[in-house]
């Protein structure tokens, strides 16, 4: 949305040139970033895959993204591939163009200014003390800590807390993980962007509670408040991080990652997602985690874009 305000203003300097008044104006352009923002892609058109920060793919009827009562902001372009692809939300702001044969409701507002990372510096970066080495379990209880390759499958249950991953993450346990934060420490080899045969994330997971401070906190036993996944990797298209069909609750923060969501079954996210770019395959439902928490969050602020 763009607003221009103008007013005739009496001047003293311009009387020297035969003019006693001048029209003084100001323009403000506001993007759809205030209130409930549940998805923010940060790459610009030059850096995003094929120029698109948000891409919706897949086949079948009704395939796409439904963002329930929350907004989307895209620093690049938005593309809906195929007539069956759709995006439904409270409002979508796009810095680039909107194209494709799919349907968006409401119609995205295009040509806006880029917005900065709303979570930059919000949480302190976790550090690893003594590594527990590799983990490969399919049952029993898993405690928080710093790990190299991390594989929890079968009925393995993750205890609440902070998990620092310095290798590959393979998480397909059927036991829900509650009160957990995964910090993907790419500086020491942590990755979710490997061959899906080696890296998967399909365990239903919930982050610790959001908290009420102006900045986030992290602890070994308590995790990082509100944060489910913090991936510090930098991926370049087409090297992507894949999150399969599951149910996830909490912030997904991967500001330099090309994220791929969805699969053959629906993916449900009660999340705020901040990524470099995002591709949705299949059906994705997104609700605003921070709004449901009932406390102030970094997402509940307006932005002046011009």
Protein backbone atom coordinates (compact mmCIF):
# COMPACT_ATOMS: atom_id res chain seq x y z
CA UNK A 1 0.00 0.00 0.00
CA UNK A 2 1.36 3.44 -0.93
CA UNK A 3 0.19 6.77 0.51
CA UNK A 4 1.19 10.23 -0.71
CA UNK A 5 0.47 13.35 1.37
CA UNK A 6 0.99 16.86 -0.04
CA UNK A 7 0.50 20.38 1.36
CA UNK A 8 1.13 23.93 0.13
CA UNK A 9 3.74 25.45 2.42
CA UNK A 10 4.67 29.15 2.67
CA UNK A 11 8.39 29.68 2.10
CA UNK A 12 10.77 32.56 2.63
CA UNK A 13 13.66 31.43 0.44
CA UNK A 14 11.57 30.95 -2.75
CA UNK A 15 10.18 34.51 -2.59
CA UNK A 16 13.54 35.54 -3.97
CA UNK A 17 12.54 33.76 -7.20
CA UNK A 18 8.99 35.07 -7.33
CA UNK A 19 7.35 32.09 -5.58
CA UNK A 20 5.84 32.39 -2.15
CA UNK A 21 4.61 28.82 -1.74
CA UNK A 22 5.72 25.29 -2.65
CA UNK A 23 4.06 21.92 -2.53
CA UNK A 24 5.75 19.70 0.03
CA UNK A 25 4.97 16.00 -0.08
CA UNK A 26 5.99 12.67 1.36
CA UNK A 27 5.32 9.13 0.23
CA UNK A 28 5.13 6.07 2.47
CA UNK A 29 4.88 2.50 1.26
CA UNK A 30 3.84 -0.11 3.77
CA UNK A 31 4.05 -3.84 3.24
CA UNK A 32 1.88 -6.49 4.80
CA UNK A 33 4.22 -7.17 7.69
CA UNK A 34 2.36 -5.87 10.73
CA UNK A 35 0.32 -8.13 12.98
CA UNK A 36 0.40 -11.85 12.37
CA UNK A 37 3.35 -12.61 10.09
CA UNK A 38 3.84 -16.35 9.72
CA UNK A 39 6.20 -16.56 6.70
CA UNK A 40 9.05 -14.26 5.72
CA UNK A 41 11.45 -15.10 2.87
CA UNK A 42 14.63 -13.01 2.85
CA UNK A 43 16.38 -13.67 -0.49
CA UNK A 44 16.08 -10.94 -3.09
CA UNK A 45 15.26 -11.62 -6.74
CA UNK A 46 18.95 -11.97 -7.66
CA UNK A 47 19.64 -14.61 -5.01
CA UNK A 48 16.40 -16.59 -4.81
CA UNK A 49 15.93 -19.82 -6.86
CA UNK A 50 14.89 -18.63 -10.33
CA UNK A 51 14.06 -15.29 -8.76
CA UNK A 52 11.27 -16.62 -6.53
CA UNK A 53 11.21 -16.47 -2.75
CA UNK A 54 7.99 -18.53 -2.59
CA UNK A 55 7.27 -21.34 -5.06
CA UNK A 56 4.28 -23.68 -4.87
CA UNK A 57 4.48 -26.95 -6.83
CA UNK A 58 2.72 -30.29 -6.92
CA UNK A 59 -0.25 -31.95 -8.50
CA UNK A 60 -3.84 -32.60 -7.62
CA UNK A 61 -6.70 -30.43 -6.47
CA UNK A 62 -6.17 -27.83 -3.78
CA UNK A 63 -2.42 -28.30 -3.58
CA UNK A 64 -0.56 -25.40 -2.01
CA UNK A 65 -0.35 -23.26 1.09
CA UNK A 66 -3.14 -22.23 3.42
CA UNK A 67 -1.90 -19.65 5.92
CA UNK A 68 -4.69 -19.39 8.49
CA UNK A 69 -5.38 -15.76 9.44
CA UNK A 70 -1.78 -14.68 9.00
CA UNK A 71 0.39 -12.80 6.54
CA UNK A 72 3.24 -13.67 4.19
CA UNK A 73 6.08 -11.39 3.12
CA UNK A 74 8.33 -12.33 0.20
CA UNK A 75 11.49 -10.33 -0.59
CA UNK A 76 11.67 -11.82 -4.10
CA UNK A 77 9.00 -13.14 -6.51
CA UNK A 78 6.03 -15.47 -5.92
CA UNK A 79 5.21 -18.29 -8.36
CA UNK A 80 2.35 -20.78 -8.37
CA UNK A 81 3.17 -23.60 -10.80
CA UNK A 82 0.06 -25.13 -12.36
CA UNK A 83 -3.63 -24.28 -12.21
CA UNK A 84 -4.24 -26.51 -9.15
CA UNK A 85 -1.76 -24.60 -7.02
CA UNK A 86 -3.09 -22.08 -4.56
CA UNK A 87 -2.13 -19.82 -1.72
CA UNK A 88 -4.68 -18.51 0.78
CA UNK A 89 -3.81 -16.18 3.62
CA UNK A 90 -4.69 -12.90 5.32
CA UNK A 91 -2.42 -10.99 2.94
CA UNK A 92 0.74 -11.42 0.88
CA UNK A 93 3.36 -8.75 0.25
CA UNK A 94 5.85 -9.39 -2.57
CA UNK A 95 8.91 -7.32 -3.45
CA UNK A 96 9.11 -8.86 -6.93
CA UNK A 97 6.41 -10.20 -9.25
CA UNK A 98 3.56 -12.68 -8.82
CA UNK A 99 3.03 -15.13 -11.67
CA UNK A 100 2.01 -18.67 -12.61
CA UNK A 101 -1.37 -20.25 -13.33
CA UNK A 102 -2.39 -20.84 -9.73
CA UNK A 103 -4.76 -18.87 -7.54
CA UNK A 104 -3.87 -16.51 -4.71
CA UNK A 105 -6.48 -15.13 -2.36
CA UNK A 106 -6.32 -12.27 -1.66
CA UNK A 107 -4.29 -11.04 -4.63
CA UNK A 108 -0.70 -10.40 -3.51
CA UNK A 109 0.54 -6.80 -3.29
CA UNK A 110 3.64 -6.62 -5.48
CA UNK A 111 6.51 -4.19 -6.01
CA UNK A 112 7.13 -3.55 -2.31
CA UNK A 113 10.41 -2.88 -0.58
CA UNK A 114 12.46 -5.69 0.93
CA UNK A 115 12.26 -6.12 4.67
CA UNK A 116 15.13 -7.13 6.99
CA UNK A 117 15.42 -10.34 8.98
CA UNK A 118 13.03 -9.89 11.96
CA UNK A 119 14.94 -12.43 14.10
CA UNK A 120 18.53 -11.34 13.51
CA UNK A 121 20.23 -11.38 16.92
CA UNK A 122 17.08 -12.37 18.80
CA UNK A 123 18.53 -15.56 20.35
CA UNK A 124 22.13 -16.00 21.48
CA UNK A 125 23.92 -18.58 19.34
CA UNK A 126 24.25 -21.81 21.38
CA UNK A 127 27.70 -23.25 21.95
CA UNK A 128 28.79 -26.83 22.37
CA UNK A 129 30.71 -27.98 25.44
CA UNK A 130 31.58 -31.68 25.31
CA UNK A 131 30.17 -33.54 22.32
CA UNK A 132 28.31 -36.78 22.93
CA UNK A 133 29.51 -38.04 19.54
CA UNK A 134 27.27 -39.94 17.15
CA UNK A 135 23.78 -41.09 18.13
CA UNK A 136 21.93 -43.95 16.45
CA UNK A 137 18.91 -45.25 18.39
CA UNK A 138 15.48 -46.64 17.57
CA UNK A 139 14.05 -46.85 21.09
CA UNK A 140 14.56 -45.54 24.59
CA UNK A 141 15.11 -42.01 25.86
CA UNK A 142 17.44 -39.41 24.32
CA UNK A 143 18.80 -36.54 26.42
CA UNK A 144 19.65 -33.02 25.19
CA UNK A 145 23.23 -32.13 24.33
CA UNK A 146 25.76 -31.66 21.57
CA UNK A 147 25.89 -34.45 18.99
CA UNK A 148 27.65 -35.26 15.74
CA UNK A 149 25.50 -37.43 13.42
CA UNK A 150 22.10 -37.75 15.09
CA UNK A 151 19.67 -40.55 14.19
CA UNK A 152 16.51 -41.14 16.27
CA UNK A 153 14.07 -43.56 14.66
CA UNK A 154 11.45 -46.12 15.67
CA UNK A 155 10.01 -45.23 19.09
CA UNK A 156 12.99 -43.26 20.43
CA UNK A 157 11.82 -40.39 22.63
CA UNK A 158 13.62 -37.03 22.87
CA UNK A 159 13.62 -35.32 26.26
CA UNK A 160 12.93 -31.56 26.40
CA UNK A 161 15.93 -29.26 25.88
CA UNK A 162 18.52 -28.04 23.40
CA UNK A 163 19.99 -30.36 20.77
CA UNK A 164 23.08 -29.02 18.99
CA UNK A 165 23.68 -30.96 15.77
CA UNK A 166 27.20 -30.96 14.31
CA UNK A 167 26.58 -33.65 11.71
CA UNK A 168 23.62 -35.07 9.81
CA UNK A 169 20.14 -35.00 11.36
CA UNK A 170 17.89 -38.04 10.80
CA UNK A 171 14.74 -37.73 12.88
CA UNK A 172 11.91 -40.10 12.00
CA UNK A 173 10.81 -41.37 15.41
CA UNK A 174 7.08 -41.88 15.88
CA UNK A 175 7.29 -40.53 19.45
CA UNK A 176 6.49 -36.78 19.51
CA UNK A 177 9.32 -34.54 20.74
CA UNK A 178 8.01 -31.80 23.04
CA UNK A 179 9.88 -28.76 24.40
CA UNK A 180 12.85 -29.21 22.07
CA UNK A 181 15.12 -26.90 20.06
CA UNK A 182 17.39 -28.14 17.26
CA UNK A 183 20.38 -25.93 16.57
CA UNK A 184 22.05 -26.96 13.31
CA UNK A 185 25.66 -25.89 13.87
CA UNK A 186 26.91 -25.64 10.29
CA UNK A 187 30.23 -24.11 11.38
CA UNK A 188 31.06 -27.54 12.81
CA UNK A 189 29.44 -29.76 10.15
CA UNK A 190 25.76 -29.58 11.12
CA UNK A 191 23.39 -30.06 8.18
CA UNK A 192 19.82 -30.78 7.17
CA UNK A 193 20.68 -30.27 3.50
CA UNK A 194 21.96 -33.73 2.60
CA UNK A 195 20.59 -36.64 0.62
CA UNK A 196 17.14 -37.48 2.04
CA UNK A 197 18.36 -41.02 2.62
CA UNK A 198 20.75 -39.58 5.20
CA UNK A 199 18.80 -36.54 6.46
CA UNK A 200 15.11 -36.48 7.30
CA UNK A 201 12.89 -34.54 9.68
CA UNK A 202 9.46 -36.11 10.10
CA UNK A 203 9.02 -36.52 13.88
CA UNK A 204 6.11 -34.45 15.27
CA UNK A 205 7.89 -31.79 17.34
CA UNK A 206 7.04 -28.83 19.59
CA UNK A 207 9.34 -26.04 20.73
CA UNK A 208 9.63 -24.66 24.27
CA UNK A 209 7.17 -21.89 25.18
CA UNK A 210 7.64 -18.50 23.54
CA UNK A 211 8.64 -16.45 26.58
CA UNK A 212 7.93 -12.79 27.31
CA UNK A 213 11.23 -10.91 27.03
CA UNK A 214 12.46 -8.56 24.32
CA UNK A 215 15.18 -11.07 23.39
CA UNK A 216 15.29 -14.84 23.39
CA UNK A 217 17.05 -17.10 25.84
CA UNK A 218 18.63 -20.55 25.44
CA UNK A 219 19.64 -23.21 27.94
CA UNK A 220 20.63 -26.85 27.73
CA UNK A 221 17.67 -28.17 29.66
CA UNK A 222 15.13 -25.61 28.53
CA UNK A 223 16.00 -25.13 24.87
CA UNK A 224 15.49 -21.73 23.21
CA UNK A 225 12.15 -20.12 23.97
CA UNK A 226 9.78 -20.36 21.03
CA UNK A 227 12.44 -21.83 18.74
CA UNK A 228 12.02 -25.27 17.20
CA UNK A 229 14.72 -25.25 14.48
CA UNK A 230 17.61 -22.83 13.98
CA UNK A 231 19.55 -23.86 10.89
CA UNK A 232 22.72 -21.82 10.35
CA UNK A 233 23.54 -23.39 6.98
CA UNK A 234 23.91 -21.40 3.80
CA UNK A 235 22.40 -23.37 0.91
CA UNK A 236 22.45 -22.45 -2.75
CA UNK A 237 19.74 -23.64 -5.12
CA UNK A 238 19.17 -26.49 -5.81
CA UNK A 239 20.74 -27.72 -2.56
CA UNK A 240 17.78 -27.66 -0.20
CA UNK A 241 16.77 -28.54 3.32
CA UNK A 242 13.82 -30.94 3.32
CA UNK A 243 11.13 -31.21 6.00
CA UNK A 244 8.70 -34.02 5.28
CA UNK A 245 5.04 -34.48 6.10
CA UNK A 246 4.49 -34.11 9.85
CA UNK A 247 3.18 -31.66 12.47
CA UNK A 248 5.59 -29.03 13.80
CA UNK A 249 5.04 -26.28 16.38
CA UNK A 250 7.45 -23.39 16.98
CA UNK A 251 9.66 -20.98 15.07
CA UNK A 252 11.64 -22.33 12.11
CA UNK A 253 14.58 -19.98 11.59
CA UNK A 254 16.87 -20.66 8.62
CA UNK A 255 17.71 -17.24 7.18
CA UNK A 256 20.20 -18.51 4.56
CA UNK A 257 18.45 -21.73 3.60
CA UNK A 258 16.36 -22.71 0.57
CA UNK A 259 13.70 -24.72 2.43
CA UNK A 260 11.51 -27.42 0.85
CA UNK A 261 8.28 -28.38 2.61
CA UNK A 262 5.71 -31.10 2.13
CA UNK A 263 5.46 -34.45 0.51
CA UNK A 264 2.85 -37.04 -0.37
CA UNK A 265 0.95 -36.29 2.86
CA UNK A 266 -0.05 -32.88 4.29
CA UNK A 267 2.38 -30.91 6.44
CA UNK A 268 0.92 -28.92 9.34
CA UNK A 269 2.95 -26.05 10.82
CA UNK A 270 2.00 -23.96 13.82
CA UNK A 271 5.03 -21.79 13.17
CA UNK A 272 6.64 -18.55 12.22
CA UNK A 273 8.98 -19.38 9.35
CA UNK A 274 11.94 -17.16 8.39
CA UNK A 275 14.02 -18.58 5.52
CA UNK A 276 15.98 -17.47 2.46
CA UNK A 277 13.38 -19.04 0.15
CA UNK A 278 10.72 -21.70 0.34
CA UNK A 279 9.31 -24.31 -2.04
CA UNK A 280 6.09 -26.14 -1.16
CA UNK A 281 5.33 -29.56 -2.61
CA UNK A 282 1.99 -31.01 -1.67
CA UNK A 283 -0.34 -29.42 0.85
CA UNK A 284 0.95 -27.17 3.66
CA UNK A 285 -1.13 -25.55 6.40
CA UNK A 286 0.50 -22.72 8.34
CA UNK A 287 -0.79 -20.96 11.45
CA UNK A 288 0.85 -18.20 13.48
CA UNK A 289 2.70 -19.69 16.46
CA UNK A 290 3.59 -16.34 18.05
CA UNK A 291 -0.02 -15.13 17.98
CA UNK A 292 -1.19 -18.30 19.68
CA UNK A 293 1.42 -17.84 22.41
CA UNK A 294 -0.41 -14.71 23.56
CA UNK A 295 2.74 -12.66 24.22
CA UNK A 296 4.72 -10.00 22.40
CA UNK A 297 7.05 -11.38 19.72
CA UNK A 298 9.45 -9.97 17.11
CA UNK A 299 6.76 -10.52 14.46
CA UNK A 300 4.16 -8.19 15.96
CA UNK A 301 5.53 -4.90 14.66
CA UNK A 302 4.80 -2.70 11.66
CA UNK A 303 7.45 -1.86 9.07
CA UNK A 304 7.78 1.27 6.96
CA UNK A 305 9.23 0.14 3.67
CA UNK A 306 9.78 3.40 1.77
